[in-house]
């Protein structure tokens, strides 16, 4: 199974020459994630926050951040 590099996908979607379809596909996949997983994924990958900071902001244990992030990445792999 090929690993999903969410940071690379975000860079592709934000690139000036990125196709509109690629950005829309990425957005559709993100919208299909549960809200709690999407929040963790976006805070870690797009905001470049440390797990401890995400845990503090969301009011959840750091272990929960890691498990939600793992589930979000796995789901994004399936969807993409």
PDB file of N, CA and C in Angstrom:
ATOM      1  N   UNK A   1       0.856  -1.181   0.000  1.00  0.00           N
ATOM      2  CA  UNK A   1       0.000   0.000   0.000  1.00  0.00           C
ATOM      3  C   UNK A   1       0.892   1.231   0.000  1.00  0.00           C
ATOM      4  N   UNK A   2       0.625   2.130  -0.914  1.00  0.00           N
ATOM      5  CA  UNK A   2       1.406   3.363  -1.004  1.00  0.00           C
ATOM      6  C   UNK A   2       0.955   4.334   0.075  1.00  0.00           C
ATOM      7  N   UNK A   3       1.904   4.924   0.768  1.00  0.00           N
ATOM      8  CA  UNK A   3       1.593   5.878   1.825  1.00  0.00           C
ATOM      9  C   UNK A   3       1.041   7.162   1.222  1.00  0.00           C
ATOM     10  N   UNK A   4       0.082   7.725   1.892  1.00  0.00           N
ATOM     11  CA  UNK A   4      -0.502   8.989   1.457  1.00  0.00           C
ATOM     12  C   UNK A   4       0.242  10.120   2.120  1.00  0.00           C
ATOM     13  N   UNK A   5       0.778  11.006   1.335  1.00  0.00           N
ATOM     14  CA  UNK A   5       1.463  12.177   1.844  1.00  0.00           C
ATOM     15  C   UNK A   5       0.501  13.353   1.770  1.00  0.00           C
ATOM     16  N   UNK A   6      -0.201  13.593   2.874  1.00  0.00           N
ATOM     17  CA  UNK A   6      -1.221  14.630   2.900  1.00  0.00           C
ATOM     18  C   UNK A   6      -0.607  16.004   2.665  1.00  0.00           C
ATOM     19  N   UNK A   7       0.607  16.213   3.148  1.00  0.00           N
ATOM     20  CA  UNK A   7       1.271  17.496   2.927  1.00  0.00           C
ATOM     21  C   UNK A   7       1.504  17.733   1.437  1.00  0.00           C
ATOM     22  N   UNK A   8       1.901  16.680   0.737  1.00  0.00           N
ATOM     23  CA  UNK A   8       2.122  16.818  -0.707  1.00  0.00           C
ATOM     24  C   UNK A   8       0.808  17.098  -1.431  1.00  0.00           C
ATOM     25  N   UNK A   9      -0.263  16.436  -0.985  1.00  0.00           N
ATOM     26  CA  UNK A   9      -1.567  16.691  -1.604  1.00  0.00           C
ATOM     27  C   UNK A   9      -2.015  18.129  -1.376  1.00  0.00           C
ATOM     28  N   UNK A  10      -1.773  18.638  -0.188  1.00  0.00           N
ATOM     29  CA  UNK A  10      -2.139  20.023   0.106  1.00  0.00           C
ATOM     30  C   UNK A  10      -1.338  20.983  -0.755  1.00  0.00           C
ATOM     31  N   UNK A  11      -0.058  20.688  -0.945  1.00  0.00           N
ATOM     32  CA  UNK A  11       0.780  21.540  -1.788  1.00  0.00           C
ATOM     33  C   UNK A  11       0.300  21.515  -3.231  1.00  0.00           C
ATOM     34  N   UNK A  12      -0.107  20.343  -3.704  1.00  0.00           N
ATOM     35  CA  UNK A  12      -0.633  20.233  -5.069  1.00  0.00           C
ATOM     36  C   UNK A  12      -1.905  21.055  -5.209  1.00  0.00           C
ATOM     37  N   UNK A  13      -2.780  20.949  -4.223  1.00  0.00           N
ATOM     38  CA  UNK A  13      -4.049  21.673  -4.290  1.00  0.00           C
ATOM     39  C   UNK A  13      -3.841  23.182  -4.226  1.00  0.00           C
ATOM     40  N   UNK A  14      -2.808  23.621  -3.515  1.00  0.00           N
ATOM     41  CA  UNK A  14      -2.551  25.052  -3.368  1.00  0.00           C
ATOM     42  C   UNK A  14      -1.660  25.615  -4.468  1.00  0.00           C
ATOM     43  N   UNK A  15      -1.071  24.747  -5.286  1.00  0.00           N
ATOM     44  CA  UNK A  15      -0.164  25.208  -6.333  1.00  0.00           C
ATOM     45  C   UNK A  15      -0.928  26.025  -7.370  1.00  0.00           C
ATOM     46  N   UNK A  16      -0.292  27.092  -7.888  1.00  0.00           N
ATOM     47  CA  UNK A  16      -0.973  27.946  -8.852  1.00  0.00           C
ATOM     48  C   UNK A  16      -1.400  27.214 -10.119  1.00  0.00           C
ATOM     49  N   UNK A  17      -0.647  26.203 -10.528  1.00  0.00           N
ATOM     50  CA  UNK A  17      -0.978  25.486 -11.749  1.00  0.00           C
ATOM     51  C   UNK A  17      -1.778  24.206 -11.492  1.00  0.00           C
ATOM     52  N   UNK A  18      -2.240  24.020 -10.257  1.00  0.00           N
ATOM     53  CA  UNK A  18      -3.017  22.831  -9.935  1.00  0.00           C
ATOM     54  C   UNK A  18      -4.356  22.882 -10.651  1.00  0.00           C
ATOM     55  N   UNK A  19      -4.762  21.740 -11.130  1.00  0.00           N
ATOM     56  CA  UNK A  19      -6.048  21.713 -11.813  1.00  0.00           C
ATOM     57  C   UNK A  19      -7.170  21.903 -10.799  1.00  0.00           C
ATOM     58  N   UNK A  20      -8.198  22.529 -11.246  1.00  0.00           N
ATOM     59  CA  UNK A  20      -9.362  22.779 -10.399  1.00  0.00           C
ATOM     60  C   UNK A  20      -9.976  21.452  -9.950  1.00  0.00           C
ATOM     61  N   UNK A  21      -9.933  20.463 -10.834  1.00  0.00           N
ATOM     62  CA  UNK A  21     -10.503  19.152 -10.514  1.00  0.00           C
ATOM     63  C   UNK A  21      -9.750  18.474  -9.372  1.00  0.00           C
ATOM     64  N   UNK A  22      -8.426  18.588  -9.368  1.00  0.00           N
ATOM     65  CA  UNK A  22      -7.633  17.982  -8.301  1.00  0.00           C
ATOM     66  C   UNK A  22      -7.984  18.608  -6.960  1.00  0.00           C
ATOM     67  N   UNK A  23      -8.093  19.910  -6.928  1.00  0.00           N
ATOM     68  CA  UNK A  23      -8.452  20.609  -5.692  1.00  0.00           C
ATOM     69  C   UNK A  23      -9.852  20.216  -5.251  1.00  0.00           C
ATOM     70  N   UNK A  24     -10.768  20.097  -6.194  1.00  0.00           N
ATOM     71  CA  UNK A  24     -12.138  19.706  -5.846  1.00  0.00           C
ATOM     72  C   UNK A  24     -12.180  18.277  -5.327  1.00  0.00           C
ATOM     73  N   UNK A  25     -11.402  17.371  -5.942  1.00  0.00           N
ATOM     74  CA  UNK A  25     -11.353  15.991  -5.468  1.00  0.00           C
ATOM     75  C   UNK A  25     -10.819  15.926  -4.041  1.00  0.00           C
ATOM     76  N   UNK A  26      -9.768  16.669  -3.781  1.00  0.00           N
ATOM     77  CA  UNK A  26      -9.198  16.702  -2.444  1.00  0.00           C
ATOM     78  C   UNK A  26     -10.217  17.239  -1.445  1.00  0.00           C
ATOM     79  N   UNK A  27     -10.900  18.300  -1.810  1.00  0.00           N
ATOM     80  CA  UNK A  27     -11.919  18.879  -0.925  1.00  0.00           C
ATOM     81  C   UNK A  27     -13.051  17.887  -0.670  1.00  0.00           C
ATOM     82  N   UNK A  28     -13.489  17.201  -1.706  1.00  0.00           N
ATOM     83  CA  UNK A  28     -14.564  16.201  -1.539  1.00  0.00           C
ATOM     84  C   UNK A  28     -14.134  15.093  -0.584  1.00  0.00           C
ATOM     85  N   UNK A  29     -12.912  14.642  -0.727  1.00  0.00           N
ATOM     86  CA  UNK A  29     -12.408  13.591   0.161  1.00  0.00           C
ATOM     87  C   UNK A  29     -12.325  14.096   1.599  1.00  0.00           C
ATOM     88  N   UNK A  30     -11.833  15.300   1.778  1.00  0.00           N
ATOM     89  CA  UNK A  30     -11.763  15.879   3.130  1.00  0.00           C
ATOM     90  C   UNK A  30     -13.148  16.010   3.749  1.00  0.00           C
ATOM     91  N   UNK A  31     -14.128  16.396   2.958  1.00  0.00           N
ATOM     92  CA  UNK A  31     -15.487  16.570   3.463  1.00  0.00           C
ATOM     93  C   UNK A  31     -16.122  15.248   3.872  1.00  0.00           C
ATOM     94  N   UNK A  32     -15.631  14.148   3.343  1.00  0.00           N
ATOM     95  CA  UNK A  32     -16.175  12.829   3.681  1.00  0.00           C
ATOM     96  C   UNK A  32     -15.597  12.280   4.986  1.00  0.00           C
ATOM     97  N   UNK A  33     -14.570  12.926   5.501  1.00  0.00           N
ATOM     98  CA  UNK A  33     -14.014  12.507   6.792  1.00  0.00           C
ATOM     99  C   UNK A  33     -14.933  12.954   7.913  1.00  0.00           C
ATOM    100  N   UNK A  34     -14.986  12.190   9.007  1.00  0.00           N
ATOM    101  CA  UNK A  34     -15.705  12.672  10.187  1.00  0.00           C
ATOM    102  C   UNK A  34     -15.075  13.990  10.659  1.00  0.00           C
ATOM    103  N   UNK A  35     -15.877  14.856  11.218  1.00  0.00           N
ATOM    104  CA  UNK A  35     -15.427  16.184  11.626  1.00  0.00           C
ATOM    105  C   UNK A  35     -14.228  16.123  12.559  1.00  0.00           C
ATOM    106  N   UNK A  36     -14.246  15.205  13.520  1.00  0.00           N
ATOM    107  CA  UNK A  36     -13.134  15.134  14.474  1.00  0.00           C
ATOM    108  C   UNK A  36     -11.830  14.724  13.788  1.00  0.00           C
ATOM    109  N   UNK A  37     -11.899  13.807  12.837  1.00  0.00           N
ATOM    110  CA  UNK A  37     -10.700  13.403  12.105  1.00  0.00           C
ATOM    111  C   UNK A  37     -10.221  14.509  11.175  1.00  0.00           C
ATOM    112  N   UNK A  38     -11.145  15.170  10.499  1.00  0.00           N
ATOM    113  CA  UNK A  38     -10.781  16.251   9.584  1.00  0.00           C
ATOM    114  C   UNK A  38     -10.087  17.380  10.333  1.00  0.00           C
ATOM    115  N   UNK A  39     -10.599  17.727  11.514  1.00  0.00           N
ATOM    116  CA  UNK A  39     -10.004  18.806  12.301  1.00  0.00           C
ATOM    117  C   UNK A  39      -8.563  18.489  12.656  1.00  0.00           C
ATOM    118  N   UNK A  40      -8.314  17.282  13.135  1.00  0.00           N
ATOM    119  CA  UNK A  40      -6.956  16.885  13.500  1.00  0.00           C
ATOM    120  C   UNK A  40      -6.054  16.875  12.272  1.00  0.00           C
ATOM    121  N   UNK A  41      -6.530  16.298  11.185  1.00  0.00           N
ATOM    122  CA  UNK A  41      -5.728  16.220   9.964  1.00  0.00           C
ATOM    123  C   UNK A  41      -5.335  17.608   9.465  1.00  0.00           C
ATOM    124  N   UNK A  42      -6.272  18.525   9.434  1.00  0.00           N
ATOM    125  CA  UNK A  42      -5.985  19.866   8.937  1.00  0.00           C
ATOM    126  C   UNK A  42      -5.067  20.645   9.873  1.00  0.00           C
ATOM    127  N   UNK A  43      -5.265  20.502  11.172  1.00  0.00           N
ATOM    128  CA  UNK A  43      -4.405  21.211  12.116  1.00  0.00           C
ATOM    129  C   UNK A  43      -2.959  20.712  12.043  1.00  0.00           C
ATOM    130  N   UNK A  44      -2.783  19.400  11.902  1.00  0.00           N
ATOM    131  CA  UNK A  44      -1.436  18.837  11.855  1.00  0.00           C
ATOM    132  C   UNK A  44      -0.771  19.125  10.515  1.00  0.00           C
ATOM    133  N   UNK A  45      -1.503  18.925   9.413  1.00  0.00           N
ATOM    134  CA  UNK A  45      -0.863  19.026   8.098  1.00  0.00           C
ATOM    135  C   UNK A  45      -0.831  20.442   7.544  1.00  0.00           C
ATOM    136  N   UNK A  46      -1.938  21.139   7.591  1.00  0.00           N
ATOM    137  CA  UNK A  46      -1.968  22.469   6.992  1.00  0.00           C
ATOM    138  C   UNK A  46      -1.477  23.562   7.938  1.00  0.00           C
ATOM    139  N   UNK A  47      -1.797  23.430   9.206  1.00  0.00           N
ATOM    140  CA  UNK A  47      -1.369  24.432  10.181  1.00  0.00           C
ATOM    141  C   UNK A  47      -0.024  24.086  10.808  1.00  0.00           C
ATOM    142  N   UNK A  48       0.478  22.887  10.515  1.00  0.00           N
ATOM    143  CA  UNK A  48       1.786  22.435  11.009  1.00  0.00           C
ATOM    144  C   UNK A  48       1.881  22.501  12.532  1.00  0.00           C
ATOM    145  N   UNK A  49       0.802  22.113  13.186  1.00  0.00           N
ATOM    146  CA  UNK A  49       0.775  22.132  14.645  1.00  0.00           C
ATOM    147  C   UNK A  49       1.312  20.820  15.199  1.00  0.00           C
ATOM    148  N   UNK A  50       1.966  20.893  16.331  1.00  0.00           N
ATOM    149  CA  UNK A  50       2.448  19.703  17.036  1.00  0.00           C
ATOM    150  C   UNK A  50       1.253  18.977  17.652  1.00  0.00           C
ATOM    151  N   UNK A  51       1.396  17.677  17.847  1.00  0.00           N
ATOM    152  CA  UNK A  51       0.304  16.886  18.421  1.00  0.00           C
ATOM    153  C   UNK A  51      -0.151  17.457  19.764  1.00  0.00           C
ATOM    154  N   UNK A  52       0.800  17.861  20.592  1.00  0.00           N
ATOM    155  CA  UNK A  52       0.451  18.405  21.912  1.00  0.00           C
ATOM    156  C   UNK A  52      -0.375  19.677  21.774  1.00  0.00           C
ATOM    157  N   UNK A  53      -0.038  20.511  20.802  1.00  0.00           N
ATOM    158  CA  UNK A  53      -0.801  21.746  20.585  1.00  0.00           C
ATOM    159  C   UNK A  53      -2.209  21.451  20.075  1.00  0.00           C
ATOM    160  N   UNK A  54      -2.318  20.483  19.181  1.00  0.00           N
ATOM    161  CA  UNK A  54      -3.641  20.087  18.670  1.00  0.00           C
ATOM    162  C   UNK A  54      -4.487  19.555  19.820  1.00  0.00           C
ATOM    163  N   UNK A  55      -3.881  18.738  20.650  1.00  0.00           N
ATOM    164  CA  UNK A  55      -4.599  18.180  21.805  1.00  0.00           C
ATOM    165  C   UNK A  55      -5.112  19.290  22.716  1.00  0.00           C
ATOM    166  N   UNK A  56      -4.260  20.275  22.956  1.00  0.00           N
ATOM    167  CA  UNK A  56      -4.658  21.398  23.826  1.00  0.00           C
ATOM    168  C   UNK A  56      -5.792  22.201  23.198  1.00  0.00           C
ATOM    169  N   UNK A  57      -5.681  22.506  21.906  1.00  0.00           N
ATOM    170  CA  UNK A  57      -6.687  23.314  21.216  1.00  0.00           C
ATOM    171  C   UNK A  57      -8.038  22.599  21.180  1.00  0.00           C
ATOM    172  N   UNK A  58      -8.007  21.300  20.913  1.00  0.00           N
ATOM    173  CA  UNK A  58      -9.260  20.547  20.793  1.00  0.00           C
ATOM    174  C   UNK A  58      -9.758  19.994  22.121  1.00  0.00           C
ATOM    175  N   UNK A  59      -8.929  20.081  23.152  1.00  0.00           N
ATOM    176  CA  UNK A  59      -9.335  19.590  24.469  1.00  0.00           C
ATOM    177  C   UNK A  59      -9.440  18.074  24.532  1.00  0.00           C
ATOM    178  N   UNK A  60      -8.514  17.380  23.852  1.00  0.00           N
ATOM    179  CA  UNK A  60      -8.501  15.920  23.834  1.00  0.00           C
ATOM    180  C   UNK A  60      -7.093  15.445  24.185  1.00  0.00           C
ATOM    181  N   UNK A  61      -6.969  14.176  24.606  1.00  0.00           N
ATOM    182  CA  UNK A  61      -5.639  13.643  24.909  1.00  0.00           C
ATOM    183  C   UNK A  61      -4.772  13.550  23.644  1.00  0.00           C
ATOM    184  N   UNK A  62      -3.474  13.631  23.830  1.00  0.00           N
ATOM    185  CA  UNK A  62      -2.540  13.555  22.708  1.00  0.00           C
ATOM    186  C   UNK A  62      -2.648  12.216  21.980  1.00  0.00           C
ATOM    187  N   UNK A  63      -2.906  11.149  22.712  1.00  0.00           N
ATOM    188  CA  UNK A  63      -3.094   9.836  22.089  1.00  0.00           C
ATOM    189  C   UNK A  63      -4.293   9.815  21.160  1.00  0.00           C
ATOM    190  N   UNK A  64      -5.331  10.550  21.528  1.00  0.00           N
ATOM    191  CA  UNK A  64      -6.525  10.646  20.682  1.00  0.00           C
ATOM    192  C   UNK A  64      -6.197  11.395  19.397  1.00  0.00           C
ATOM    193  N   UNK A  65      -5.357  12.412  19.514  1.00  0.00           N
ATOM    194  CA  UNK A  65      -4.911  13.135  18.310  1.00  0.00           C
ATOM    195  C   UNK A  65      -4.223  12.156  17.361  1.00  0.00           C
ATOM    196  N   UNK A  66      -3.332  11.349  17.899  1.00  0.00           N
ATOM    197  CA  UNK A  66      -2.591  10.414  17.054  1.00  0.00           C
ATOM    198  C   UNK A  66      -3.506   9.373  16.419  1.00  0.00           C
ATOM    199  N   UNK A  67      -4.463   8.859  17.172  1.00  0.00           N
ATOM    200  CA  UNK A  67      -5.346   7.835  16.604  1.00  0.00           C
ATOM    201  C   UNK A  67      -6.284   8.438  15.560  1.00  0.00           C
ATOM    202  N   UNK A  68      -6.796   9.642  15.808  1.00  0.00           N
ATOM    203  CA  UNK A  68      -7.661  10.296  14.819  1.00  0.00           C
ATOM    204  C   UNK A  68      -6.890  10.631  13.545  1.00  0.00           C
ATOM    205  N   UNK A  69      -5.649  11.061  13.718  1.00  0.00           N
ATOM    206  CA  UNK A  69      -4.819  11.371  12.564  1.00  0.00           C
ATOM    207  C   UNK A  69      -4.546  10.111  11.744  1.00  0.00           C
ATOM    208  N   UNK A  70      -4.261   9.030  12.413  1.00  0.00           N
ATOM    209  CA  UNK A  70      -4.020   7.765  11.719  1.00  0.00           C
ATOM    210  C   UNK A  70      -5.254   7.319  10.953  1.00  0.00           C
ATOM    211  N   UNK A  71      -6.416   7.416  11.583  1.00  0.00           N
ATOM    212  CA  UNK A  71      -7.660   7.028  10.906  1.00  0.00           C
ATOM    213  C   UNK A  71      -7.963   7.950   9.729  1.00  0.00           C
ATOM    214  N   UNK A  72      -7.713   9.235   9.910  1.00  0.00           N
ATOM    215  CA  UNK A  72      -7.967  10.202   8.828  1.00  0.00           C
ATOM    216  C   UNK A  72      -7.059   9.924   7.634  1.00  0.00           C
ATOM    217  N   UNK A  73      -5.801   9.655   7.887  1.00  0.00           N
ATOM    218  CA  UNK A  73      -4.866   9.358   6.792  1.00  0.00           C
ATOM    219  C   UNK A  73      -5.258   8.071   6.069  1.00  0.00           C
ATOM    220  N   UNK A  74      -5.660   7.065   6.836  1.00  0.00           N
ATOM    221  CA  UNK A  74      -6.077   5.799   6.224  1.00  0.00           C
ATOM    222  C   UNK A  74      -7.327   6.008   5.360  1.00  0.00           C
ATOM    223  N   UNK A  75      -8.268   6.781   5.845  1.00  0.00           N
ATOM    224  CA  UNK A  75      -9.499   7.046   5.085  1.00  0.00           C
ATOM    225  C   UNK A  75      -9.201   7.853   3.831  1.00  0.00           C
ATOM    226  N   UNK A  76      -8.308   8.813   3.939  1.00  0.00           N
ATOM    227  CA  UNK A  76      -7.929   9.610   2.757  1.00  0.00           C
ATOM    228  C   UNK A  76      -7.266   8.717   1.717  1.00  0.00           C
ATOM    229  N   UNK A  77      -6.455   7.763   2.154  1.00  0.00           N
ATOM    230  CA  UNK A  77      -5.841   6.816   1.218  1.00  0.00           C
ATOM    231  C   UNK A  77      -6.914   6.062   0.455  1.00  0.00           C
ATOM    232  N   UNK A  78      -7.937   5.609   1.176  1.00  0.00           N
ATOM    233  CA  UNK A  78      -9.038   4.888   0.535  1.00  0.00           C
ATOM    234  C   UNK A  78      -9.779   5.772  -0.462  1.00  0.00           C
ATOM    235  N   UNK A  79     -10.044   6.979  -0.057  1.00  0.00           N
ATOM    236  CA  UNK A  79     -10.852   7.882  -0.885  1.00  0.00           C
ATOM    237  C   UNK A  79     -10.113   8.398  -2.114  1.00  0.00           C
ATOM    238  N   UNK A  80      -8.806   8.593  -1.972  1.00  0.00           N
ATOM    239  CA  UNK A  80      -8.038   9.130  -3.102  1.00  0.00           C
ATOM    240  C   UNK A  80      -7.688   8.017  -4.070  1.00  0.00           C
TER     241      UNK A  80
END
